[in-house]
C-alpha cells in the first residue's frame, strides 16, 4: 500500500440523476440540458407523472441522442411527487446506481454543484445543497432550522455562519438536488408512494435519520429554485407559523401526512399538539369551518391508514 492511499477520496461510482416532472416541460428541458453538461452524471432518469403538455413525446425523442443518455417513463396516472420519487429511486438502483441525485423539475443545480457534493462522498449517506431563490441567491427558498436550536434561518449568511467544515449536519432539503447512496436505499427502502405530496420527503429524511444515516447540507453546493414566497402563515401574534395553503389538495395531504409522521417519528403528544394548532389556526387566525372539516377528514384518514382521500381533488 502506498503512503497516503487510505486518505484518497472514494470514487463516486455510477451516478444517476433522477427527476420527477409534471406538466412543466420547459423547466424539464432546461434541467435536462444542464444535467447533460455535468460530466459525472452517468445517465438521466425522468419519471413523468402522466403530464398532458407533451412531456412524454419529448422524452421519447431523447432516446439515442448523443451525450448523456436520458431514460424517460410516463406513468399511467399522476402519482404525485411521492409516487414519482418512489419510482425514480427503485429504478435507479435497479439500473446499477451507486448514487442517486434526486430533484424536482423546477430546480437548477449550479455546474459545480455535484462536484461540491461529491467532495463529501464516503462521509455522508443522504446529503444535498443549499436551495436558494433563483432571483435572490443569498436567500433560502426553504428556511432551515438549525439542529439543536429553535433558530430558523432564511439567508445564506446565517447558513455559512452556522456551518462547520462547510456542512450543516443533520439537515437536508429533499428532494432538491440531494444525493442518496445505494446502500441507504437498500437499507430503508424507497419513498412512501401512498403519501402523494407534502410530507413524503420529510418522512424519508426521518426514516434515514432513524436508520443512523449521516445527513447534511453542503453549504457551498447550490441549487437555484423559483421562490415559493414566505413559508408559514404567522399565528398567535407571530410567535409561531402554520403551513397554510389555499389548495385543498395540498392542505389535505399536509394534514394527513404530518399527523402520520409526528405519530410515527416523534410522539402522540406531538401529533396532538399539531391537531390543536390546526384547530386554533382555522378557528381564530383564519376562521374557516370548511377547512376545519377538511383537516379532520385528513386526520381521520391518517389514523386509519387510508391514503385514498386526496384523489377527490385530482382533475
C-alpha atoms as a PDB file:
ATOM      1  CA  UNK A   1       0.000   0.000   0.000  1.00  0.00           C
ATOM      2  CA  UNK A   2       1.461   3.356  -0.984  1.00  0.00           C
ATOM      3  CA  UNK A   3       1.722   6.236   1.517  1.00  0.00           C
ATOM      4  CA  UNK A   4      -1.487   8.249   1.717  1.00  0.00           C
ATOM      5  CA  UNK A   5      -3.563   5.621  -0.066  1.00  0.00           C
ATOM      6  CA  UNK A   6      -6.016   5.431   2.813  1.00  0.00           C
ATOM      7  CA  UNK A   7      -6.619   9.182   2.513  1.00  0.00           C
ATOM      8  CA  UNK A   8      -7.796   9.022  -1.084  1.00  0.00           C
ATOM      9  CA  UNK A   9     -11.384  10.118  -1.612  1.00  0.00           C
ATOM     10  CA  UNK A  10     -13.645   7.250  -2.680  1.00  0.00           C
ATOM     11  CA  UNK A  11     -14.618   7.258  -6.323  1.00  0.00           C
ATOM     12  CA  UNK A  12     -18.208   8.378  -6.912  1.00  0.00           C
ATOM     13  CA  UNK A  13     -19.107   5.338  -8.990  1.00  0.00           C
ATOM     14  CA  UNK A  14     -22.214   5.316 -11.146  1.00  0.00           C
ATOM     15  CA  UNK A  15     -24.398   8.396 -10.594  1.00  0.00           C
ATOM     16  CA  UNK A  16     -27.931   8.526 -11.950  1.00  0.00           C
ATOM     17  CA  UNK A  17     -29.748  11.858 -11.878  1.00  0.00           C
ATOM     18  CA  UNK A  18     -33.390  11.155 -11.078  1.00  0.00           C
ATOM     19  CA  UNK A  19     -36.024  13.763 -11.962  1.00  0.00           C
ATOM     20  CA  UNK A  20     -39.766  13.781 -11.305  1.00  0.00           C
ATOM     21  CA  UNK A  21     -41.866  16.001 -13.573  1.00  0.00           C
ATOM     22  CA  UNK A  22     -45.470  17.012 -14.098  1.00  0.00           C
ATOM     23  CA  UNK A  23     -46.688  19.439 -16.768  1.00  0.00           C
ATOM     24  CA  UNK A  24     -43.605  21.688 -16.724  1.00  0.00           C
ATOM     25  CA  UNK A  25     -41.937  20.758 -19.994  1.00  0.00           C
ATOM     26  CA  UNK A  26     -39.903  23.982 -20.461  1.00  0.00           C
ATOM     27  CA  UNK A  27     -38.432  23.628 -16.971  1.00  0.00           C
ATOM     28  CA  UNK A  28     -37.688  19.948 -17.557  1.00  0.00           C
ATOM     29  CA  UNK A  29     -35.957  20.709 -20.856  1.00  0.00           C
ATOM     30  CA  UNK A  30     -33.733  23.318 -19.214  1.00  0.00           C
ATOM     31  CA  UNK A  31     -32.878  20.967 -16.340  1.00  0.00           C
ATOM     32  CA  UNK A  32     -32.034  18.032 -18.605  1.00  0.00           C
ATOM     33  CA  UNK A  33     -29.832  20.326 -20.692  1.00  0.00           C
ATOM     34  CA  UNK A  34     -27.946  21.355 -17.532  1.00  0.00           C
ATOM     35  CA  UNK A  35     -27.581  17.775 -16.321  1.00  0.00           C
ATOM     36  CA  UNK A  36     -26.074  16.796 -19.660  1.00  0.00           C
ATOM     37  CA  UNK A  37     -23.353  19.400 -19.038  1.00  0.00           C
ATOM     38  CA  UNK A  38     -22.242  17.677 -15.819  1.00  0.00           C
ATOM     39  CA  UNK A  39     -19.695  15.003 -16.660  1.00  0.00           C
ATOM     40  CA  UNK A  40     -20.092  12.907 -13.508  1.00  0.00           C
ATOM     41  CA  UNK A  41     -23.749  12.111 -14.322  1.00  0.00           C
ATOM     42  CA  UNK A  42     -23.810   8.615 -15.843  1.00  0.00           C
ATOM     43  CA  UNK A  43     -27.389   8.856 -17.059  1.00  0.00           C
ATOM     44  CA  UNK A  44     -30.596  10.812 -16.501  1.00  0.00           C
ATOM     45  CA  UNK A  45     -33.801   9.085 -15.442  1.00  0.00           C
ATOM     46  CA  UNK A  46     -37.051  11.055 -15.749  1.00  0.00           C
ATOM     47  CA  UNK A  47     -40.351   9.877 -14.300  1.00  0.00           C
ATOM     48  CA  UNK A  48     -43.273  11.756 -15.839  1.00  0.00           C
ATOM     49  CA  UNK A  49     -46.446  11.883 -13.734  1.00  0.00           C
ATOM     50  CA  UNK A  50     -48.845  11.489 -16.682  1.00  0.00           C
ATOM     51  CA  UNK A  51     -48.238  15.019 -17.989  1.00  0.00           C
ATOM     52  CA  UNK A  52     -50.571  16.391 -20.646  1.00  0.00           C
ATOM     53  CA  UNK A  53     -48.205  19.047 -22.066  1.00  0.00           C
ATOM     54  CA  UNK A  54     -46.166  16.912 -24.464  1.00  0.00           C
ATOM     55  CA  UNK A  55     -43.608  15.756 -21.915  1.00  0.00           C
ATOM     56  CA  UNK A  56     -43.989  12.085 -22.824  1.00  0.00           C
ATOM     57  CA  UNK A  57     -43.493  12.787 -26.511  1.00  0.00           C
ATOM     58  CA  UNK A  58     -40.419  14.925 -25.826  1.00  0.00           C
ATOM     59  CA  UNK A  59     -38.901  12.224 -23.636  1.00  0.00           C
ATOM     60  CA  UNK A  60     -39.398   9.663 -26.404  1.00  0.00           C
ATOM     61  CA  UNK A  61     -37.423  11.933 -28.742  1.00  0.00           C
ATOM     62  CA  UNK A  62     -34.410  11.895 -26.388  1.00  0.00           C
ATOM     63  CA  UNK A  63     -33.736   8.192 -26.890  1.00  0.00           C
ATOM     64  CA  UNK A  64     -30.488   7.604 -28.771  1.00  0.00           C
ATOM     65  CA  UNK A  65     -29.344  11.222 -28.828  1.00  0.00           C
ATOM     66  CA  UNK A  66     -25.579  11.762 -28.371  1.00  0.00           C
ATOM     67  CA  UNK A  67     -24.288  12.655 -24.934  1.00  0.00           C
ATOM     68  CA  UNK A  68     -25.586  11.536 -21.566  1.00  0.00           C
ATOM     69  CA  UNK A  69     -28.410   9.045 -22.029  1.00  0.00           C
ATOM     70  CA  UNK A  70     -31.898  10.142 -20.995  1.00  0.00           C
ATOM     71  CA  UNK A  71     -34.346   7.423 -19.978  1.00  0.00           C
ATOM     72  CA  UNK A  72     -37.914   8.662 -19.608  1.00  0.00           C
ATOM     73  CA  UNK A  73     -41.005   6.826 -18.447  1.00  0.00           C
ATOM     74  CA  UNK A  74     -44.535   8.210 -18.298  1.00  0.00           C
ATOM     75  CA  UNK A  75     -46.753   6.797 -15.563  1.00  0.00           C
ATOM     76  CA  UNK A  76     -50.331   5.817 -16.311  1.00  0.00           C
ATOM     77  CA  UNK A  77     -51.644   8.290 -13.728  1.00  0.00           C
ATOM     78  CA  UNK A  78     -50.420  11.198 -11.632  1.00  0.00           C
ATOM     79  CA  UNK A  79     -48.906   9.606  -8.529  1.00  0.00           C
ATOM     80  CA  UNK A  80     -47.569  12.840  -7.056  1.00  0.00           C
ATOM     81  CA  UNK A  81     -44.042  13.594  -6.015  1.00  0.00           C
ATOM     82  CA  UNK A  82     -44.058  10.639  -3.627  1.00  0.00           C
ATOM     83  CA  UNK A  83     -45.041   8.144  -6.298  1.00  0.00           C
ATOM     84  CA  UNK A  84     -42.612   9.653  -8.774  1.00  0.00           C
ATOM     85  CA  UNK A  85     -39.643   9.564  -6.421  1.00  0.00           C
ATOM     86  CA  UNK A  86     -40.550   6.048  -5.337  1.00  0.00           C
ATOM     87  CA  UNK A  87     -40.222   5.016  -8.993  1.00  0.00           C
ATOM     88  CA  UNK A  88     -37.014   7.015  -9.516  1.00  0.00           C
ATOM     89  CA  UNK A  89     -35.177   5.544  -6.542  1.00  0.00           C
ATOM     90  CA  UNK A  90     -36.287   1.992  -7.216  1.00  0.00           C
ATOM     91  CA  UNK A  91     -35.457   2.096 -10.912  1.00  0.00           C
ATOM     92  CA  UNK A  92     -32.137   3.919 -10.442  1.00  0.00           C
ATOM     93  CA  UNK A  93     -30.918   1.265  -8.012  1.00  0.00           C
ATOM     94  CA  UNK A  94     -32.121  -1.440 -10.400  1.00  0.00           C
ATOM     95  CA  UNK A  95     -30.087   0.270 -13.137  1.00  0.00           C
ATOM     96  CA  UNK A  96     -26.945  -0.040 -11.029  1.00  0.00           C
ATOM     97  CA  UNK A  97     -26.669   3.404  -9.462  1.00  0.00           C
ATOM     98  CA  UNK A  98     -24.138   3.812  -6.671  1.00  0.00           C
ATOM     99  CA  UNK A  99     -25.553   7.277  -6.003  1.00  0.00           C
ATOM    100  CA  UNK A 100     -28.925   8.736  -6.981  1.00  0.00           C
ATOM    101  CA  UNK A 101     -29.117  12.510  -7.436  1.00  0.00           C
ATOM    102  CA  UNK A 102     -32.758  13.406  -6.818  1.00  0.00           C
ATOM    103  CA  UNK A 103     -34.516  16.574  -7.955  1.00  0.00           C
ATOM    104  CA  UNK A 104     -37.806  18.109  -8.965  1.00  0.00           C
ATOM    105  CA  UNK A 105     -38.138  19.598 -12.433  1.00  0.00           C
ATOM    106  CA  UNK A 106     -38.124  23.206 -11.178  1.00  0.00           C
ATOM    107  CA  UNK A 107     -34.641  23.250  -9.630  1.00  0.00           C
ATOM    108  CA  UNK A 108     -31.419  24.163 -11.425  1.00  0.00           C
ATOM    109  CA  UNK A 109     -28.112  22.934  -9.972  1.00  0.00           C
ATOM    110  CA  UNK A 110     -25.031  25.072 -10.488  1.00  0.00           C
ATOM    111  CA  UNK A 111     -22.492  23.475 -12.807  1.00  0.00           C
ATOM    112  CA  UNK A 112     -20.193  22.739  -9.873  1.00  0.00           C
ATOM    113  CA  UNK A 113     -22.987  21.587  -7.522  1.00  0.00           C
ATOM    114  CA  UNK A 114     -22.353  17.877  -7.946  1.00  0.00           C
ATOM    115  CA  UNK A 115     -18.583  18.315  -7.626  1.00  0.00           C
ATOM    116  CA  UNK A 116     -19.055  20.086  -4.305  1.00  0.00           C
ATOM    117  CA  UNK A 117     -21.427  17.409  -3.065  1.00  0.00           C
ATOM    118  CA  UNK A 118     -19.080  14.622  -4.133  1.00  0.00           C
ATOM    119  CA  UNK A 119     -16.282  16.155  -2.074  1.00  0.00           C
ATOM    120  CA  UNK A 120     -18.115  14.544   0.870  1.00  0.00           C
ATOM    121  CA  UNK A 121     -18.586  11.126  -0.721  1.00  0.00           C
ATOM    122  CA  UNK A 122     -17.850   8.447   1.844  1.00  0.00           C
ATOM    123  CA  UNK A 123     -18.581  10.606   4.892  1.00  0.00           C
ATOM    124  CA  UNK A 124     -22.315  11.097   4.243  1.00  0.00           C
ATOM    125  CA  UNK A 125     -25.264   8.921   3.193  1.00  0.00           C
ATOM    126  CA  UNK A 126     -28.009  11.451   2.445  1.00  0.00           C
ATOM    127  CA  UNK A 127     -26.857  14.956   1.646  1.00  0.00           C
ATOM    128  CA  UNK A 128     -27.711  17.923  -0.517  1.00  0.00           C
ATOM    129  CA  UNK A 129     -27.091  21.535  -1.474  1.00  0.00           C
ATOM    130  CA  UNK A 130     -28.368  24.850  -0.220  1.00  0.00           C
ATOM    131  CA  UNK A 131     -31.571  25.603  -2.140  1.00  0.00           C
ATOM    132  CA  UNK A 132     -31.590  29.313  -2.932  1.00  0.00           C
ATOM    133  CA  UNK A 133     -34.013  31.721  -4.582  1.00  0.00           C
ATOM    134  CA  UNK A 134     -33.088  31.977  -8.248  1.00  0.00           C
ATOM    135  CA  UNK A 135     -33.857  35.720  -8.139  1.00  0.00           C
ATOM    136  CA  UNK A 136     -32.014  36.323  -4.847  1.00  0.00           C
ATOM    137  CA  UNK A 137     -29.231  33.753  -4.339  1.00  0.00           C
ATOM    138  CA  UNK A 138     -28.488  34.986  -0.821  1.00  0.00           C
ATOM    139  CA  UNK A 139     -31.952  33.928   0.347  1.00  0.00           C
ATOM    140  CA  UNK A 140     -33.015  30.348   1.033  1.00  0.00           C
ATOM    141  CA  UNK A 141     -36.173  29.112  -0.671  1.00  0.00           C
ATOM    142  CA  UNK A 142     -36.824  26.683   2.178  1.00  0.00           C
ATOM    143  CA  UNK A 143     -35.765  28.015   5.611  1.00  0.00           C
ATOM    144  CA  UNK A 144     -33.523  25.774   7.713  1.00  0.00           C
ATOM    145  CA  UNK A 145     -33.998  25.091  11.412  1.00  0.00           C
ATOM    146  CA  UNK A 146     -30.532  24.790  12.887  1.00  0.00           C
ATOM    147  CA  UNK A 147     -30.018  21.485  14.712  1.00  0.00           C
ATOM    148  CA  UNK A 148     -30.332  21.618  18.479  1.00  0.00           C
ATOM    149  CA  UNK A 149     -31.761  25.148  18.465  1.00  0.00           C
ATOM    150  CA  UNK A 150     -35.040  26.965  17.917  1.00  0.00           C
ATOM    151  CA  UNK A 151     -33.373  29.196  15.312  1.00  0.00           C
ATOM    152  CA  UNK A 152     -34.789  29.189  11.789  1.00  0.00           C
ATOM    153  CA  UNK A 153     -32.516  30.841   9.240  1.00  0.00           C
ATOM    154  CA  UNK A 154     -33.652  32.328   5.944  1.00  0.00           C
ATOM    155  CA  UNK A 155     -30.452  33.564   4.343  1.00  0.00           C
ATOM    156  CA  UNK A 156     -27.128  32.174   3.224  1.00  0.00           C
ATOM    157  CA  UNK A 157     -25.091  34.439   5.501  1.00  0.00           C
ATOM    158  CA  UNK A 158     -26.657  32.759   8.530  1.00  0.00           C
ATOM    159  CA  UNK A 159     -26.166  29.318   6.975  1.00  0.00           C
ATOM    160  CA  UNK A 160     -22.472  29.940   6.347  1.00  0.00           C
ATOM    161  CA  UNK A 161     -22.023  31.305   9.874  1.00  0.00           C
ATOM    162  CA  UNK A 162     -23.625  28.184  11.384  1.00  0.00           C
ATOM    163  CA  UNK A 163     -21.750  25.692   9.200  1.00  0.00           C
ATOM    164  CA  UNK A 164     -18.869  23.572  10.462  1.00  0.00           C
ATOM    165  CA  UNK A 165     -16.405  22.422   7.818  1.00  0.00           C
ATOM    166  CA  UNK A 166     -18.854  23.614   5.184  1.00  0.00           C
ATOM    167  CA  UNK A 167     -21.700  21.432   6.497  1.00  0.00           C
ATOM    168  CA  UNK A 168     -24.939  21.884   8.396  1.00  0.00           C
ATOM    169  CA  UNK A 169     -25.179  18.391   9.813  1.00  0.00           C
ATOM    170  CA  UNK A 170     -28.487  16.575  10.337  1.00  0.00           C
ATOM    171  CA  UNK A 171     -30.302  18.922   7.930  1.00  0.00           C
ATOM    172  CA  UNK A 172     -31.176  18.325   4.285  1.00  0.00           C
ATOM    173  CA  UNK A 173     -33.931  19.601   1.984  1.00  0.00           C
ATOM    174  CA  UNK A 174     -35.223  16.620  -0.017  1.00  0.00           C
ATOM    175  CA  UNK A 175     -35.748  16.264  -2.929  1.00  0.00           C
ATOM    176  CA  UNK A 176     -33.915  19.269  -4.360  1.00  0.00           C
ATOM    177  CA  UNK A 177     -30.556  18.025  -5.578  1.00  0.00           C
ATOM    178  CA  UNK A 178     -29.932  15.520  -2.793  1.00  0.00           C
ATOM    179  CA  UNK A 179     -27.599  12.555  -3.139  1.00  0.00           C
ATOM    180  CA  UNK A 180     -28.677   9.197  -1.728  1.00  0.00           C
ATOM    181  CA  UNK A 181     -26.352   6.219  -1.551  1.00  0.00           C
ATOM    182  CA  UNK A 182     -27.361   2.862  -2.930  1.00  0.00           C
ATOM    183  CA  UNK A 183     -26.612   1.354   0.482  1.00  0.00           C
ATOM    184  CA  UNK A 184     -29.111   3.652   2.210  1.00  0.00           C
ATOM    185  CA  UNK A 185     -31.874   2.858  -0.300  1.00  0.00           C
ATOM    186  CA  UNK A 186     -31.224  -0.860   0.153  1.00  0.00           C
ATOM    187  CA  UNK A 187     -31.385  -0.399   3.926  1.00  0.00           C
ATOM    188  CA  UNK A 188     -34.510   1.748   4.313  1.00  0.00           C
ATOM    189  CA  UNK A 189     -36.345   1.264   1.022  1.00  0.00           C
ATOM    190  CA  UNK A 190     -37.822   3.839  -1.304  1.00  0.00           C
ATOM    191  CA  UNK A 191     -40.153   6.796  -0.789  1.00  0.00           C
ATOM    192  CA  UNK A 192     -43.658   6.028   0.508  1.00  0.00           C
ATOM    193  CA  UNK A 193     -45.659   6.371  -2.699  1.00  0.00           C
ATOM    194  CA  UNK A 194     -49.031   6.486  -0.944  1.00  0.00           C
ATOM    195  CA  UNK A 195     -48.250   9.874   0.673  1.00  0.00           C
ATOM    196  CA  UNK A 196     -48.648  11.548  -2.763  1.00  0.00           C
ATOM    197  CA  UNK A 197     -47.320  15.051  -1.870  1.00  0.00           C
ATOM    198  CA  UNK A 198     -46.340  17.135   1.150  1.00  0.00           C
ATOM    199  CA  UNK A 199     -44.583  15.147   3.845  1.00  0.00           C
ATOM    200  CA  UNK A 200     -43.179  12.298   1.755  1.00  0.00           C
ATOM    201  CA  UNK A 201     -39.758  13.956   1.571  1.00  0.00           C
ATOM    202  CA  UNK A 202     -39.774  14.697   5.305  1.00  0.00           C
ATOM    203  CA  UNK A 203     -40.776  11.105   6.064  1.00  0.00           C
ATOM    204  CA  UNK A 204     -37.859   9.813   4.017  1.00  0.00           C
ATOM    205  CA  UNK A 205     -35.423  12.042   5.890  1.00  0.00           C
ATOM    206  CA  UNK A 206     -36.867  10.937   9.233  1.00  0.00           C
ATOM    207  CA  UNK A 207     -36.588   7.291   8.200  1.00  0.00           C
ATOM    208  CA  UNK A 208     -32.990   7.826   7.147  1.00  0.00           C
ATOM    209  CA  UNK A 209     -32.269   9.570  10.452  1.00  0.00           C
ATOM    210  CA  UNK A 210     -33.804   6.689  12.422  1.00  0.00           C
ATOM    211  CA  UNK A 211     -31.587   4.263  10.487  1.00  0.00           C
ATOM    212  CA  UNK A 212     -28.469   6.176  11.535  1.00  0.00           C
ATOM    213  CA  UNK A 213     -27.783   7.795   8.163  1.00  0.00           C
ATOM    214  CA  UNK A 214     -25.231  10.577   8.030  1.00  0.00           C
ATOM    215  CA  UNK A 215     -27.204  13.613   6.837  1.00  0.00           C
ATOM    216  CA  UNK A 216     -26.038  17.114   5.944  1.00  0.00           C
ATOM    217  CA  UNK A 217     -26.438  20.212   3.802  1.00  0.00           C
ATOM    218  CA  UNK A 218     -23.292  21.221   1.908  1.00  0.00           C
ATOM    219  CA  UNK A 219     -23.330  24.997   2.105  1.00  0.00           C
ATOM    220  CA  UNK A 220     -21.147  25.728  -0.939  1.00  0.00           C
ATOM    221  CA  UNK A 221     -23.207  23.482  -3.237  1.00  0.00           C
ATOM    222  CA  UNK A 222     -26.160  25.334  -4.749  1.00  0.00           C
ATOM    223  CA  UNK A 223     -29.447  24.547  -6.456  1.00  0.00           C
ATOM    224  CA  UNK A 224     -31.448  27.539  -7.668  1.00  0.00           C
ATOM    225  CA  UNK A 225     -35.217  27.315  -7.334  1.00  0.00           C
ATOM    226  CA  UNK A 226     -38.176  29.612  -8.045  1.00  0.00           C
ATOM    227  CA  UNK A 227     -39.399  31.476  -4.990  1.00  0.00           C
ATOM    228  CA  UNK A 228     -42.295  29.894  -3.148  1.00  0.00           C
ATOM    229  CA  UNK A 229     -42.942  33.006  -1.053  1.00  0.00           C
ATOM    230  CA  UNK A 230     -42.768  33.083   2.708  1.00  0.00           C
ATOM    231  CA  UNK A 231     -43.493  29.618   4.015  1.00  0.00           C
ATOM    232  CA  UNK A 232     -45.697  29.577   7.059  1.00  0.00           C
ATOM    233  CA  UNK A 233     -48.547  31.945   7.948  1.00  0.00           C
ATOM    234  CA  UNK A 234     -47.974  33.768  11.281  1.00  0.00           C
ATOM    235  CA  UNK A 235     -50.297  32.899  14.151  1.00  0.00           C
ATOM    236  CA  UNK A 236     -50.576  33.745  17.868  1.00  0.00           C
ATOM    237  CA  UNK A 237     -49.115  37.237  17.316  1.00  0.00           C
ATOM    238  CA  UNK A 238     -46.256  35.894  15.260  1.00  0.00           C
ATOM    239  CA  UNK A 239     -44.973  33.504  17.914  1.00  0.00           C
ATOM    240  CA  UNK A 240     -45.369  30.581  15.519  1.00  0.00           C
ATOM    241  CA  UNK A 241     -46.440  29.835  11.975  1.00  0.00           C
ATOM    242  CA  UNK A 242     -48.824  27.423  10.305  1.00  0.00           C
ATOM    243  CA  UNK A 243     -48.229  25.778   6.942  1.00  0.00           C
ATOM    244  CA  UNK A 244     -51.391  27.117   5.305  1.00  0.00           C
ATOM    245  CA  UNK A 245     -52.075  26.524   1.617  1.00  0.00           C
ATOM    246  CA  UNK A 246     -55.067  27.744  -0.389  1.00  0.00           C
ATOM    247  CA  UNK A 247     -55.036  24.379  -2.195  1.00  0.00           C
ATOM    248  CA  UNK A 248     -57.382  21.812  -0.667  1.00  0.00           C
ATOM    249  CA  UNK A 249     -55.256  19.015  -2.176  1.00  0.00           C
ATOM    250  CA  UNK A 250     -52.064  20.316  -0.590  1.00  0.00           C
ATOM    251  CA  UNK A 251     -53.700  21.000   2.752  1.00  0.00           C
ATOM    252  CA  UNK A 252     -55.341  17.587   2.908  1.00  0.00           C
ATOM    253  CA  UNK A 253     -52.066  15.798   2.160  1.00  0.00           C
ATOM    254  CA  UNK A 254     -50.114  18.042   4.544  1.00  0.00           C
ATOM    255  CA  UNK A 255     -52.542  17.473   7.421  1.00  0.00           C
ATOM    256  CA  UNK A 256     -52.766  13.708   6.847  1.00  0.00           C
ATOM    257  CA  UNK A 257     -49.068  13.128   6.276  1.00  0.00           C
ATOM    258  CA  UNK A 258     -47.824  15.461   9.009  1.00  0.00           C
ATOM    259  CA  UNK A 259     -50.011  13.780  11.626  1.00  0.00           C
ATOM    260  CA  UNK A 260     -48.785  10.407  10.417  1.00  0.00           C
ATOM    261  CA  UNK A 261     -45.122  11.463  10.587  1.00  0.00           C
ATOM    262  CA  UNK A 262     -45.460  13.012  14.034  1.00  0.00           C
ATOM    263  CA  UNK A 263     -47.095   9.879  15.468  1.00  0.00           C
ATOM    264  CA  UNK A 264     -44.535   7.599  13.835  1.00  0.00           C
ATOM    265  CA  UNK A 265     -41.318   9.514  14.431  1.00  0.00           C
ATOM    266  CA  UNK A 266     -41.998  11.867  17.346  1.00  0.00           C
ATOM    267  CA  UNK A 267     -44.825  11.065  19.773  1.00  0.00           C
ATOM    268  CA  UNK A 268     -48.592  11.074  20.241  1.00  0.00           C
ATOM    269  CA  UNK A 269     -48.141  14.310  22.201  1.00  0.00           C
ATOM    270  CA  UNK A 270     -46.519  15.999  19.187  1.00  0.00           C
ATOM    271  CA  UNK A 271     -49.350  14.732  16.987  1.00  0.00           C
ATOM    272  CA  UNK A 272     -51.985  16.067  19.389  1.00  0.00           C
ATOM    273  CA  UNK A 273     -50.234  19.439  19.508  1.00  0.00           C
ATOM    274  CA  UNK A 274     -50.429  19.630  15.713  1.00  0.00           C
ATOM    275  CA  UNK A 275     -54.181  18.963  15.846  1.00  0.00           C
ATOM    276  CA  UNK A 276     -54.614  21.735  18.451  1.00  0.00           C
ATOM    277  CA  UNK A 277     -52.519  24.102  16.325  1.00  0.00           C
ATOM    278  CA  UNK A 278     -54.692  23.363  13.281  1.00  0.00           C
ATOM    279  CA  UNK A 279     -57.894  23.989  15.245  1.00  0.00           C
ATOM    280  CA  UNK A 280     -56.502  27.261  16.601  1.00  0.00           C
ATOM    281  CA  UNK A 281     -55.426  28.441  13.147  1.00  0.00           C
ATOM    282  CA  UNK A 282     -58.734  27.746  11.392  1.00  0.00           C
ATOM    283  CA  UNK A 283     -60.833  28.925  14.348  1.00  0.00           C
ATOM    284  CA  UNK A 284     -59.022  32.100  15.421  1.00  0.00           C
ATOM    285  CA  UNK A 285     -56.248  33.030  12.966  1.00  0.00           C
ATOM    286  CA  UNK A 286     -58.022  32.351   9.687  1.00  0.00           C
ATOM    287  CA  UNK A 287     -61.535  31.123  10.544  1.00  0.00           C
ATOM    288  CA  UNK A 288     -62.855  28.509   8.112  1.00  0.00           C
ATOM    289  CA  UNK A 289     -65.394  25.836   9.000  1.00  0.00           C
ATOM    290  CA  UNK A 290     -64.831  24.069   5.673  1.00  0.00           C
ATOM    291  CA  UNK A 291     -61.073  23.915   6.233  1.00  0.00           C
ATOM    292  CA  UNK A 292     -61.613  22.529   9.741  1.00  0.00           C
ATOM    293  CA  UNK A 293     -63.833  19.786   8.302  1.00  0.00           C
ATOM    294  CA  UNK A 294     -61.192  19.011   5.679  1.00  0.00           C
ATOM    295  CA  UNK A 295     -58.480  18.891   8.349  1.00  0.00           C
ATOM    296  CA  UNK A 296     -60.377  16.402  10.486  1.00  0.00           C
ATOM    297  CA  UNK A 297     -61.128  14.308   7.432  1.00  0.00           C
ATOM    298  CA  UNK A 298     -57.373  14.167   6.793  1.00  0.00           C
ATOM    299  CA  UNK A 299     -56.596  13.382  10.438  1.00  0.00           C
ATOM    300  CA  UNK A 300     -59.127  10.527  10.456  1.00  0.00           C
ATOM    301  CA  UNK A 301     -57.597   9.135   7.271  1.00  0.00           C
ATOM    302  CA  UNK A 302     -54.134   9.199   8.858  1.00  0.00           C
ATOM    303  CA  UNK A 303     -55.354   7.351  11.946  1.00  0.00           C
ATOM    304  CA  UNK A 304     -56.988   4.585   9.943  1.00  0.00           C
ATOM    305  CA  UNK A 305     -54.201   4.366   7.349  1.00  0.00           C
ATOM    306  CA  UNK A 306     -56.357   5.491   4.419  1.00  0.00           C
ATOM    307  CA  UNK A 307     -54.314   7.039   1.597  1.00  0.00           C
ATOM    308  CA  UNK A 308     -57.079   7.430  -0.986  1.00  0.00           C
ATOM    309  CA  UNK A 309     -58.835  10.612   0.155  1.00  0.00           C
ATOM    310  CA  UNK A 310     -56.627  13.002  -1.827  1.00  0.00           C
ATOM    311  CA  UNK A 311     -57.835  11.529  -5.105  1.00  0.00           C
ATOM    312  CA  UNK A 312     -61.084  13.504  -4.943  1.00  0.00           C
ATOM    313  CA  UNK A 313     -59.073  16.691  -5.535  1.00  0.00           C
ATOM    314  CA  UNK A 314     -57.326  15.453  -8.682  1.00  0.00           C
ATOM    315  CA  UNK A 315     -58.593  16.686 -12.023  1.00  0.00           C
END
